[in-house]
Amino acid sequence: MGVVNIDDETHANVRKASLISCRSINSQAAFWIKIGMLSEMNPTLSFNEIMSNEFLTAGVSATNLSKEIIND
């Protein structure tokens, strides 16, 4: 594993985001890098579409919560 140099502000944002998402700082940075790379490779897809594809690839099935909320 290599070292990536980032500015202090970005590091602080990664640290804060890692607390919210219950990821380690390294895992949060890796997540952002992966999503950023997928976004650049698929510029027409939204974040939600990218995440949906990632969940499908991982075999995760989730119901559409917005439909459940509207029906309540």
Protein backbone atom coordinates (compact mmCIF):
# COMPACT_ATOMS: atom_id res chain seq x y z
CA MET A 1 0.00 0.00 0.00
CA GLY A 2 1.33 3.42 -0.92
CA VAL A 3 1.09 6.84 0.62
CA VAL A 4 -1.04 9.57 -0.94
CA ASN A 5 -0.28 13.17 -0.07
CA ILE A 6 -3.37 15.36 0.30
CA ASP A 7 -3.78 18.86 1.66
CA ASP A 8 -4.76 19.41 5.29
CA GLU A 9 -8.28 20.61 4.48
CA THR A 10 -9.06 17.50 2.42
CA HIS A 11 -7.63 15.29 5.16
CA ALA A 12 -9.83 17.03 7.74
CA ASN A 13 -12.89 16.50 5.53
CA VAL A 14 -12.04 12.81 5.06
CA ARG A 15 -11.64 12.45 8.83
CA LYS A 16 -15.02 14.13 9.52
CA ALA A 17 -16.80 12.10 6.85
CA SER A 18 -15.30 8.87 8.19
CA LEU A 19 -16.93 9.52 11.57
CA ILE A 20 -20.36 9.99 9.99
CA SER A 21 -20.08 6.95 7.73
CA CYS A 22 -18.49 4.66 10.35
CA ARG A 23 -15.48 4.03 8.10
CA SER A 24 -11.81 4.34 8.89
CA ILE A 25 -10.09 7.40 7.45
CA ASN A 26 -8.37 5.17 4.87
CA SER A 27 -11.63 3.44 3.94
CA GLN A 28 -13.39 6.78 3.53
CA ALA A 29 -10.63 8.07 1.26
CA ALA A 30 -10.71 4.82 -0.74
CA PHE A 31 -14.51 5.11 -1.10
CA TRP A 32 -14.28 8.69 -2.37
CA ILE A 33 -11.49 7.74 -4.77
CA LYS A 34 -13.50 4.79 -6.12
CA ILE A 35 -16.70 6.81 -6.55
CA GLY A 36 -14.75 9.66 -8.14
CA MET A 37 -13.08 7.29 -10.56
CA LEU A 38 -16.41 5.66 -11.46
CA SER A 39 -17.93 9.13 -11.92
CA GLU A 40 -15.17 10.15 -14.32
CA MET A 41 -15.53 6.89 -16.25
CA ASN A 42 -19.34 7.23 -16.37
CA PRO A 43 -20.07 10.97 -16.53
CA THR A 44 -23.73 10.54 -17.45
CA LEU A 45 -24.56 8.52 -14.31
CA SER A 46 -25.72 10.13 -11.08
CA PHE A 47 -24.25 9.21 -7.70
CA ASN A 48 -27.39 7.19 -6.95
CA GLU A 49 -27.08 5.27 -10.23
CA ILE A 50 -23.43 4.51 -9.52
CA MET A 51 -24.27 3.30 -6.00
CA SER A 52 -27.17 1.21 -7.31
CA ASN A 53 -24.81 -0.46 -9.79
CA GLU A 54 -22.27 -1.09 -7.03
CA PHE A 55 -24.93 -2.67 -4.80
CA LEU A 56 -26.12 -4.88 -7.66
CA THR A 57 -22.54 -5.93 -8.43
CA ALA A 58 -22.05 -6.85 -4.77
CA GLY A 59 -25.32 -8.81 -4.74
CA VAL A 60 -27.05 -6.45 -2.32
CA SER A 61 -30.80 -6.11 -2.74
CA ALA A 62 -32.66 -3.16 -1.26
CA THR A 63 -36.20 -1.97 -1.71
CA ASN A 64 -36.92 1.49 -3.04
CA LEU A 65 -37.63 3.37 0.17
CA SER A 66 -39.11 6.39 -1.61
CA LYS A 67 -41.98 4.22 -2.88
CA GLU A 68 -42.60 2.91 0.64
CA ILE A 69 -42.67 6.43 2.11
CA ILE A 70 -45.10 7.68 -0.56
CA ASN A 71 -47.45 4.73 0.03
CA ASP A 72 -47.64 5.32 3.81
